[in-house]
Amino acid sequence: DYYAVRWFRQAPGKEREGISCITYYGGRTDYVS
């Protein structure tokens, strides 16, 4: 309930990349371009 969550992805040989976020209340989201 009170955690924001971010999705990440990691391709082979690449560093982990943050791609999307949702705030704890769900009112704000963001995305990598």
PDB file of all heavy atoms in Angstrom:
ATOM      1  N   ASP A   1       0.782  -1.241   0.000  1.00  0.00           N
ATOM      2  CA  ASP A   1       0.000   0.000   0.000  1.00  0.00           C
ATOM      3  C   ASP A   1       0.811   1.287   0.000  1.00  0.00           C
ATOM      4  O   ASP A   1       0.532   2.197  -0.784  1.00  0.00           O
ATOM      5  CB  ASP A   1      -0.953   0.019   1.191  1.00  0.00           C
ATOM      6  CG  ASP A   1      -1.988  -1.080   1.146  1.00  0.00           C
ATOM      7  OD1 ASP A   1      -1.663  -2.196   0.696  1.00  0.00           O
ATOM      8  OD2 ASP A   1      -3.126  -0.817   1.580  1.00  0.00           O
ATOM      9  N   TYR A   2       1.798   1.388   0.856  1.00  0.00           N
ATOM     10  CA  TYR A   2       2.507   2.651   1.022  1.00  0.00           C
ATOM     11  C   TYR A   2       3.898   2.644   0.415  1.00  0.00           C
ATOM     12  O   TYR A   2       4.761   3.424   0.826  1.00  0.00           O
ATOM     13  CB  TYR A   2       2.536   3.043   2.494  1.00  0.00           C
ATOM     14  CG  TYR A   2       1.170   3.458   2.986  1.00  0.00           C
ATOM     15  CD1 TYR A   2       0.343   2.566   3.651  1.00  0.00           C
ATOM     16  CD2 TYR A   2       0.696   4.748   2.747  1.00  0.00           C
ATOM     17  CE1 TYR A   2      -0.918   2.944   4.076  1.00  0.00           C
ATOM     18  CE2 TYR A   2      -0.560   5.127   3.174  1.00  0.00           C
ATOM     19  CZ  TYR A   2      -1.365   4.224   3.839  1.00  0.00           C
ATOM     20  OH  TYR A   2      -2.618   4.611   4.260  1.00  0.00           O
ATOM     21  N   TYR A   3       4.095   1.801  -0.554  1.00  0.00           N
ATOM     22  CA  TYR A   3       5.342   1.771  -1.305  1.00  0.00           C
ATOM     23  C   TYR A   3       5.106   2.238  -2.726  1.00  0.00           C
ATOM     24  O   TYR A   3       4.153   1.823  -3.384  1.00  0.00           O
ATOM     25  CB  TYR A   3       5.929   0.357  -1.354  1.00  0.00           C
ATOM     26  CG  TYR A   3       6.462  -0.155  -0.050  1.00  0.00           C
ATOM     27  CD1 TYR A   3       5.635  -0.782   0.863  1.00  0.00           C
ATOM     28  CD2 TYR A   3       7.818  -0.033   0.259  1.00  0.00           C
ATOM     29  CE1 TYR A   3       6.127  -1.262   2.059  1.00  0.00           C
ATOM     30  CE2 TYR A   3       8.317  -0.514   1.452  1.00  0.00           C
ATOM     31  CZ  TYR A   3       7.471  -1.125   2.350  1.00  0.00           C
ATOM     32  OH  TYR A   3       7.959  -1.613   3.530  1.00  0.00           O
ATOM     33  N   ALA A   4       5.982   3.096  -3.205  1.00  0.00           N
ATOM     34  CA  ALA A   4       6.086   3.312  -4.637  1.00  0.00           C
ATOM     35  C   ALA A   4       6.846   2.136  -5.251  1.00  0.00           C
ATOM     36  O   ALA A   4       7.595   1.441  -4.560  1.00  0.00           O
ATOM     37  CB  ALA A   4       6.815   4.617  -4.929  1.00  0.00           C
ATOM     38  N   VAL A   5       6.641   1.908  -6.534  1.00  0.00           N
ATOM     39  CA  VAL A   5       7.285   0.782  -7.200  1.00  0.00           C
ATOM     40  C   VAL A   5       7.830   1.231  -8.548  1.00  0.00           C
ATOM     41  O   VAL A   5       7.170   1.971  -9.277  1.00  0.00           O
ATOM     42  CB  VAL A   5       6.300  -0.394  -7.395  1.00  0.00           C
ATOM     43  CG1 VAL A   5       6.961  -1.521  -8.187  1.00  0.00           C
ATOM     44  CG2 VAL A   5       5.826  -0.918  -6.043  1.00  0.00           C
ATOM     45  N   ARG A   6       9.014   0.763  -8.841  1.00  0.00           N
ATOM     46  CA  ARG A   6       9.611   1.018 -10.138  1.00  0.00           C
ATOM     47  C   ARG A   6       9.876  -0.299 -10.853  1.00  0.00           C
ATOM     48  O   ARG A   6      10.369  -1.255 -10.240  1.00  0.00           O
ATOM     49  CB  ARG A   6      10.923   1.809 -10.008  1.00  0.00           C
ATOM     50  CG  ARG A   6      11.579   2.112 -11.353  1.00  0.00           C
ATOM     51  CD  ARG A   6      12.818   2.991 -11.239  1.00  0.00           C
ATOM     52  NE  ARG A   6      12.504   4.367 -10.920  1.00  0.00           N
ATOM     53  CZ  ARG A   6      12.070   5.280 -11.789  1.00  0.00           C
ATOM     54  NH1 ARG A   6      11.874   4.945 -13.063  1.00  0.00           N
ATOM     55  NH2 ARG A   6      11.822   6.510 -11.385  1.00  0.00           N
ATOM     56  N   TRP A   7       9.553  -0.331 -12.132  1.00  0.00           N
ATOM     57  CA  TRP A   7       9.946  -1.425 -13.010  1.00  0.00           C
ATOM     58  C   TRP A   7      11.311  -1.116 -13.606  1.00  0.00           C
ATOM     59  O   TRP A   7      11.580   0.008 -14.032  1.00  0.00           O
ATOM     60  CB  TRP A   7       8.943  -1.631 -14.142  1.00  0.00           C
ATOM     61  CG  TRP A   7       7.713  -2.380 -13.759  1.00  0.00           C
ATOM     62  CD1 TRP A   7       6.508  -1.859 -13.421  1.00  0.00           C
ATOM     63  CD2 TRP A   7       7.566  -3.804 -13.706  1.00  0.00           C
ATOM     64  NE1 TRP A   7       5.615  -2.866 -13.158  1.00  0.00           N
ATOM     65  CE2 TRP A   7       6.235  -4.067 -13.325  1.00  0.00           C
ATOM     66  CE3 TRP A   7       8.425  -4.882 -13.942  1.00  0.00           C
ATOM     67  CZ2 TRP A   7       5.743  -5.371 -13.175  1.00  0.00           C
ATOM     68  CZ3 TRP A   7       7.936  -6.166 -13.787  1.00  0.00           C
ATOM     69  CH2 TRP A   7       6.608  -6.391 -13.410  1.00  0.00           C
ATOM     70  N   PHE A   8      12.143  -2.147 -13.652  1.00  0.00           N
ATOM     71  CA  PHE A   8      13.463  -2.086 -14.266  1.00  0.00           C
ATOM     72  C   PHE A   8      13.564  -3.177 -15.322  1.00  0.00           C
ATOM     73  O   PHE A   8      12.794  -4.135 -15.323  1.00  0.00           O
ATOM     74  CB  PHE A   8      14.568  -2.319 -13.233  1.00  0.00           C
ATOM     75  CG  PHE A   8      14.643  -1.297 -12.140  1.00  0.00           C
ATOM     76  CD1 PHE A   8      13.803  -1.364 -11.045  1.00  0.00           C
ATOM     77  CD2 PHE A   8      15.577  -0.278 -12.200  1.00  0.00           C
ATOM     78  CE1 PHE A   8      13.882  -0.432 -10.026  1.00  0.00           C
ATOM     79  CE2 PHE A   8      15.671   0.664 -11.186  1.00  0.00           C
ATOM     80  CZ  PHE A   8      14.819   0.585 -10.102  1.00  0.00           C
ATOM     81  N   ARG A   9      14.525  -3.037 -16.184  1.00  0.00           N
ATOM     82  CA  ARG A   9      14.865  -4.125 -17.086  1.00  0.00           C
ATOM     83  C   ARG A   9      16.370  -4.177 -17.274  1.00  0.00           C
ATOM     84  O   ARG A   9      17.073  -3.177 -17.123  1.00  0.00           O
ATOM     85  CB  ARG A   9      14.153  -3.996 -18.438  1.00  0.00           C
ATOM     86  CG  ARG A   9      14.563  -2.797 -19.270  1.00  0.00           C
ATOM     87  CD  ARG A   9      13.687  -2.716 -20.517  1.00  0.00           C
ATOM     88  NE  ARG A   9      14.041  -1.589 -21.369  1.00  0.00           N
ATOM     89  CZ  ARG A   9      13.356  -1.224 -22.439  1.00  0.00           C
ATOM     90  NH1 ARG A   9      12.262  -1.897 -22.798  1.00  0.00           N
ATOM     91  NH2 ARG A   9      13.752  -0.182 -23.161  1.00  0.00           N
ATOM     92  N   GLN A  10      16.854  -5.358 -17.603  1.00  0.00           N
ATOM     93  CA  GLN A  10      18.267  -5.558 -17.823  1.00  0.00           C
ATOM     94  C   GLN A  10      18.458  -6.498 -19.005  1.00  0.00           C
ATOM     95  O   GLN A  10      18.068  -7.663 -18.948  1.00  0.00           O
ATOM     96  CB  GLN A  10      18.956  -6.122 -16.578  1.00  0.00           C
ATOM     97  CG  GLN A  10      20.462  -6.174 -16.691  1.00  0.00           C
ATOM     98  CD  GLN A  10      21.130  -6.436 -15.353  1.00  0.00           C
ATOM     99  OE1 GLN A  10      20.541  -7.045 -14.464  1.00  0.00           O
ATOM    100  NE2 GLN A  10      22.360  -5.972 -15.214  1.00  0.00           N
ATOM    101  N   ALA A  11      19.038  -5.962 -20.053  1.00  0.00           N
ATOM    102  CA  ALA A  11      19.360  -6.753 -21.226  1.00  0.00           C
ATOM    103  C   ALA A  11      20.719  -7.409 -21.030  1.00  0.00           C
ATOM    104  O   ALA A  11      21.542  -6.934 -20.238  1.00  0.00           O
ATOM    105  CB  ALA A  11      19.358  -5.875 -22.473  1.00  0.00           C
ATOM    106  N   PRO A  12      20.996  -8.503 -21.742  1.00  0.00           N
ATOM    107  CA  PRO A  12      22.287  -9.174 -21.597  1.00  0.00           C
ATOM    108  C   PRO A  12      23.453  -8.228 -21.843  1.00  0.00           C
ATOM    109  O   PRO A  12      23.489  -7.512 -22.842  1.00  0.00           O
ATOM    110  CB  PRO A  12      22.236 -10.275 -22.660  1.00  0.00           C
ATOM    111  CG  PRO A  12      20.778 -10.549 -22.837  1.00  0.00           C
ATOM    112  CD  PRO A  12      20.103  -9.212 -22.675  1.00  0.00           C
ATOM    113  N   GLY A  13      24.393  -8.217 -20.916  1.00  0.00           N
ATOM    114  CA  GLY A  13      25.563  -7.370 -21.036  1.00  0.00           C
ATOM    115  C   GLY A  13      25.336  -5.905 -20.749  1.00  0.00           C
ATOM    116  O   GLY A  13      26.272  -5.111 -20.875  1.00  0.00           O
ATOM    117  N   LYS A  14      24.128  -5.537 -20.367  1.00  0.00           N
ATOM    118  CA  LYS A  14      23.795  -4.145 -20.102  1.00  0.00           C
ATOM    119  C   LYS A  14      23.503  -3.934 -18.623  1.00  0.00           C
ATOM    120  O   LYS A  14      23.190  -4.873 -17.894  1.00  0.00           O
ATOM    121  CB  LYS A  14      22.579  -3.711 -20.918  1.00  0.00           C
ATOM    122  CG  LYS A  14      22.720  -3.893 -22.415  1.00  0.00           C
ATOM    123  CD  LYS A  14      23.741  -2.945 -22.995  1.00  0.00           C
ATOM    124  CE  LYS A  14      23.772  -3.050 -24.514  1.00  0.00           C
ATOM    125  NZ  LYS A  14      24.769  -2.119 -25.104  1.00  0.00           N
ATOM    126  N   GLU A  15      23.588  -2.694 -18.188  1.00  0.00           N
ATOM    127  CA  GLU A  15      23.232  -2.362 -16.828  1.00  0.00           C
ATOM    128  C   GLU A  15      21.714  -2.286 -16.678  1.00  0.00           C
ATOM    129  O   GLU A  15      20.985  -2.053 -17.641  1.00  0.00           O
ATOM    130  CB  GLU A  15      23.860  -1.034 -16.411  1.00  0.00           C
ATOM    131  CG  GLU A  15      25.370  -1.090 -16.301  1.00  0.00           C
ATOM    132  CD  GLU A  15      25.946   0.142 -15.652  1.00  0.00           C
ATOM    133  OE1 GLU A  15      25.197   1.103 -15.405  1.00  0.00           O
ATOM    134  OE2 GLU A  15      27.159   0.152 -15.376  1.00  0.00           O
ATOM    135  N   ARG A  16      21.258  -2.488 -15.473  1.00  0.00           N
ATOM    136  CA  ARG A  16      19.848  -2.386 -15.175  1.00  0.00           C
ATOM    137  C   ARG A  16      19.349  -0.969 -15.425  1.00  0.00           C
ATOM    138  O   ARG A  16      19.995   0.010 -15.036  1.00  0.00           O
ATOM    139  CB  ARG A  16      19.599  -2.796 -13.727  1.00  0.00           C
ATOM    140  CG  ARG A  16      18.147  -2.828 -13.314  1.00  0.00           C
ATOM    141  CD  ARG A  16      18.035  -3.274 -11.862  1.00  0.00           C
ATOM    142  NE  ARG A  16      18.412  -4.679 -11.711  1.00  0.00           N
ATOM    143  CZ  ARG A  16      19.044  -5.174 -10.654  1.00  0.00           C
ATOM    144  NH1 ARG A  16      19.390  -4.371  -9.654  1.00  0.00           N
ATOM    145  NH2 ARG A  16      19.325  -6.467 -10.593  1.00  0.00           N
ATOM    146  N   GLU A  17      18.196  -0.862 -16.069  1.00  0.00           N
ATOM    147  CA  GLU A  17      17.626   0.410 -16.470  1.00  0.00           C
ATOM    148  C   GLU A  17      16.244   0.571 -15.846  1.00  0.00           C
ATOM    149  O   GLU A  17      15.388  -0.294 -16.010  1.00  0.00           O
ATOM    150  CB  GLU A  17      17.518   0.481 -17.994  1.00  0.00           C
ATOM    151  CG  GLU A  17      16.790   1.706 -18.523  1.00  0.00           C
ATOM    152  CD  GLU A  17      16.443   1.602 -19.992  1.00  0.00           C
ATOM    153  OE1 GLU A  17      16.308   0.470 -20.499  1.00  0.00           O
ATOM    154  OE2 GLU A  17      16.309   2.665 -20.643  1.00  0.00           O
ATOM    155  N   GLY A  18      16.011   1.680 -15.149  1.00  0.00           N
ATOM    156  CA  GLY A  18      14.688   1.983 -14.658  1.00  0.00           C
ATOM    157  C   GLY A  18      13.811   2.472 -15.792  1.00  0.00           C
ATOM    158  O   GLY A  18      14.196   3.386 -16.527  1.00  0.00           O
ATOM    159  N   ILE A  19      12.614   1.894 -15.943  1.00  0.00           N
ATOM    160  CA  ILE A  19      11.783   2.232 -17.089  1.00  0.00           C
ATOM    161  C   ILE A  19      10.436   2.849 -16.715  1.00  0.00           C
ATOM    162  O   ILE A  19       9.844   3.553 -17.536  1.00  0.00           O
ATOM    163  CB  ILE A  19      11.555   1.019 -18.012  1.00  0.00           C
ATOM    164  CG1 ILE A  19      10.886  -0.134 -17.259  1.00  0.00           C
ATOM    165  CG2 ILE A  19      12.880   0.571 -18.630  1.00  0.00           C
ATOM    166  CD1 ILE A  19      10.401  -1.236 -18.167  1.00  0.00           C
ATOM    167  N   SER A  20       9.937   2.601 -15.521  1.00  0.00           N
ATOM    168  CA  SER A  20       8.627   3.124 -15.161  1.00  0.00           C
ATOM    169  C   SER A  20       8.467   3.150 -13.654  1.00  0.00           C
ATOM    170  O   SER A  20       9.042   2.333 -12.945  1.00  0.00           O
ATOM    171  CB  SER A  20       7.514   2.279 -15.785  1.00  0.00           C
ATOM    172  OG  SER A  20       6.241   2.859 -15.553  1.00  0.00           O
ATOM    173  N   CYS A  21       7.654   4.089 -13.181  1.00  0.00           N
ATOM    174  CA  CYS A  21       7.431   4.280 -11.753  1.00  0.00           C
ATOM    175  C   CYS A  21       5.965   4.582 -11.509  1.00  0.00           C
ATOM    176  O   CYS A  21       5.309   5.240 -12.321  1.00  0.00           O
ATOM    177  CB  CYS A  21       8.287   5.445 -11.247  1.00  0.00           C
ATOM    178  SG  CYS A  21       7.812   6.119  -9.635  1.00  0.00           S
ATOM    179  N   ILE A  22       5.460   4.101 -10.380  1.00  0.00           N
ATOM    180  CA  ILE A  22       4.148   4.503  -9.904  1.00  0.00           C
ATOM    181  C   ILE A  22       4.264   4.843  -8.426  1.00  0.00           C
ATOM    182  O   ILE A  22       4.870   4.104  -7.654  1.00  0.00           O
ATOM    183  CB  ILE A  22       3.083   3.412 -10.169  1.00  0.00           C
ATOM    184  CG1 ILE A  22       1.684   3.920  -9.797  1.00  0.00           C
ATOM    185  CG2 ILE A  22       3.405   2.115  -9.442  1.00  0.00           C
ATOM    186  CD1 ILE A  22       0.563   3.064 -10.367  1.00  0.00           C
ATOM    187  N   THR A  23       3.714   5.994  -8.043  1.00  0.00           N
ATOM    188  CA  THR A  23       3.809   6.426  -6.662  1.00  0.00           C
ATOM    189  C   THR A  23       2.938   5.563  -5.758  1.00  0.00           C
ATOM    190  O   THR A  23       2.104   4.779  -6.220  1.00  0.00           O
ATOM    191  CB  THR A  23       3.404   7.894  -6.524  1.00  0.00           C
ATOM    192  OG1 THR A  23       2.085   8.078  -7.044  1.00  0.00           O
ATOM    193  CG2 THR A  23       4.372   8.787  -7.286  1.00  0.00           C
ATOM    194  N   TYR A  24       3.117   5.710  -4.458  1.00  0.00           N
ATOM    195  CA  TYR A  24       2.432   4.817  -3.520  1.00  0.00           C
ATOM    196  C   TYR A  24       0.924   4.904  -3.614  1.00  0.00           C
ATOM    197  O   TYR A  24       0.228   3.921  -3.375  1.00  0.00           O
ATOM    198  CB  TYR A  24       2.906   5.083  -2.083  1.00  0.00           C
ATOM    199  CG  TYR A  24       2.340   6.341  -1.457  1.00  0.00           C
ATOM    200  CD1 TYR A  24       1.168   6.289  -0.704  1.00  0.00           C
ATOM    201  CD2 TYR A  24       2.980   7.563  -1.597  1.00  0.00           C
ATOM    202  CE1 TYR A  24       0.649   7.426  -0.121  1.00  0.00           C
ATOM    203  CE2 TYR A  24       2.463   8.708  -1.022  1.00  0.00           C
ATOM    204  CZ  TYR A  24       1.303   8.635  -0.289  1.00  0.00           C
ATOM    205  OH  TYR A  24       0.784   9.771   0.297  1.00  0.00           O
ATOM    206  N   TYR A  25       0.410   6.095  -3.967  1.00  0.00           N
ATOM    207  CA  TYR A  25      -1.032   6.280  -4.082  1.00  0.00           C
ATOM    208  C   TYR A  25      -1.529   6.088  -5.511  1.00  0.00           C
ATOM    209  O   TYR A  25      -2.728   6.113  -5.757  1.00  0.00           O
ATOM    210  CB  TYR A  25      -1.448   7.660  -3.570  1.00  0.00           C
ATOM    211  CG  TYR A  25      -0.802   8.818  -4.290  1.00  0.00           C
ATOM    212  CD1 TYR A  25      -1.421   9.410  -5.379  1.00  0.00           C
ATOM    213  CD2 TYR A  25       0.425   9.315  -3.879  1.00  0.00           C
ATOM    214  CE1 TYR A  25      -0.835  10.475  -6.043  1.00  0.00           C
ATOM    215  CE2 TYR A  25       1.019  10.377  -4.537  1.00  0.00           C
ATOM    216  CZ  TYR A  25       0.392  10.954  -5.617  1.00  0.00           C
ATOM    217  OH  TYR A  25       0.981  12.018  -6.270  1.00  0.00           O
ATOM    218  N   GLY A  26      -0.619   5.926  -6.448  1.00  0.00           N
ATOM    219  CA  GLY A  26      -0.981   5.685  -7.831  1.00  0.00           C
ATOM    220  C   GLY A  26      -1.347   6.916  -8.635  1.00  0.00           C
ATOM    221  O   GLY A  26      -1.756   6.796  -9.793  1.00  0.00           O
ATOM    222  N   GLY A  27      -1.194   8.096  -8.046  1.00  0.00           N
ATOM    223  CA  GLY A  27      -1.605   9.308  -8.713  1.00  0.00           C
ATOM    224  C   GLY A  27      -0.611   9.863  -9.709  1.00  0.00           C
ATOM    225  O   GLY A  27      -0.945  10.767 -10.471  1.00  0.00           O
ATOM    226  N   ARG A  28       0.588   9.355  -9.689  1.00  0.00           N
ATOM    227  CA  ARG A  28       1.610   9.832 -10.605  1.00  0.00           C
ATOM    228  C   ARG A  28       2.406   8.657 -11.141  1.00  0.00           C
ATOM    229  O   ARG A  28       2.778   7.756 -10.388  1.00  0.00           O
ATOM    230  CB  ARG A  28       2.542  10.827  -9.913  1.00  0.00           C
ATOM    231  CG  ARG A  28       3.422  11.595 -10.876  1.00  0.00           C
ATOM    232  CD  ARG A  28       4.196  12.669 -10.148  1.00  0.00           C
ATOM    233  NE  ARG A  28       5.354  12.118  -9.460  1.00  0.00           N
ATOM    234  CZ  ARG A  28       6.035  12.749  -8.517  1.00  0.00           C
ATOM    235  NH1 ARG A  28       5.653  13.955  -8.117  1.00  0.00           N
ATOM    236  NH2 ARG A  28       7.085  12.175  -7.959  1.00  0.00           N
ATOM    237  N   THR A  29       2.633   8.683 -12.418  1.00  0.00           N
ATOM    238  CA  THR A  29       3.449   7.666 -13.070  1.00  0.00           C
ATOM    239  C   THR A  29       4.471   8.347 -13.960  1.00  0.00           C
ATOM    240  O   THR A  29       4.286   9.490 -14.371  1.00  0.00           O
ATOM    241  CB  THR A  29       2.599   6.706 -13.915  1.00  0.00           C
ATOM    242  OG1 THR A  29       1.902   7.450 -14.931  1.00  0.00           O
ATOM    243  CG2 THR A  29       1.576   5.979 -13.052  1.00  0.00           C
ATOM    244  N   ASP A  30       5.544   7.651 -14.248  1.00  0.00           N
ATOM    245  CA  ASP A  30       6.497   8.156 -15.217  1.00  0.00           C
ATOM    246  C   ASP A  30       7.097   6.997 -15.989  1.00  0.00           C
ATOM    247  O   ASP A  30       7.027   5.845 -15.575  1.00  0.00           O
ATOM    248  CB  ASP A  30       7.570   9.049 -14.580  1.00  0.00           C
ATOM    249  CG  ASP A  30       8.495   8.319 -13.628  1.00  0.00           C
ATOM    250  OD1 ASP A  30       9.148   7.332 -14.035  1.00  0.00           O
ATOM    251  OD2 ASP A  30       8.597   8.746 -12.466  1.00  0.00           O
ATOM    252  N   TYR A  31       7.683   7.338 -17.139  1.00  0.00           N
ATOM    253  CA  TYR A  31       8.220   6.347 -18.055  1.00  0.00           C
ATOM    254  C   TYR A  31       9.478   6.888 -18.704  1.00  0.00           C
ATOM    255  O   TYR A  31       9.579   8.084 -18.995  1.00  0.00           O
ATOM    256  CB  TYR A  31       7.212   6.013 -19.162  1.00  0.00           C
ATOM    257  CG  TYR A  31       5.873   5.557 -18.650  1.00  0.00           C
ATOM    258  CD1 TYR A  31       4.869   6.477 -18.362  1.00  0.00           C
ATOM    259  CD2 TYR A  31       5.616   4.208 -18.447  1.00  0.00           C
ATOM    260  CE1 TYR A  31       3.643   6.061 -17.879  1.00  0.00           C
ATOM    261  CE2 TYR A  31       4.391   3.785 -17.967  1.00  0.00           C
ATOM    262  CZ  TYR A  31       3.407   4.715 -17.685  1.00  0.00           C
ATOM    263  OH  TYR A  31       2.192   4.295 -17.209  1.00  0.00           O
ATOM    264  N   VAL A  32      10.406   6.012 -18.942  1.00  0.00           N
ATOM    265  CA  VAL A  32      11.555   6.393 -19.729  1.00  0.00           C
ATOM    266  C   VAL A  32      11.091   6.617 -21.177  1.00  0.00           C
ATOM    267  O   VAL A  32      10.112   6.027 -21.632  1.00  0.00           O
ATOM    268  CB  VAL A  32      12.658   5.312 -19.642  1.00  0.00           C
ATOM    269  CG1 VAL A  32      12.245   4.050 -20.356  1.00  0.00           C
ATOM    270  CG2 VAL A  32      13.983   5.831 -20.154  1.00  0.00           C
ATOM    271  N   SER A  33      11.774   7.498 -21.886  1.00  0.00           N
ATOM    272  CA  SER A  33      11.316   7.900 -23.212  1.00  0.00           C
ATOM    273  C   SER A  33      11.126   6.728 -24.167  1.00  0.00           C
ATOM    274  O   SER A  33      10.205   6.736 -24.989  1.00  0.00           O
ATOM    275  CB  SER A  33      12.306   8.896 -23.820  1.00  0.00           C
ATOM    276  OG  SER A  33      12.346  10.097 -23.077  1.00  0.00           O
TER     277      SER A  33
END
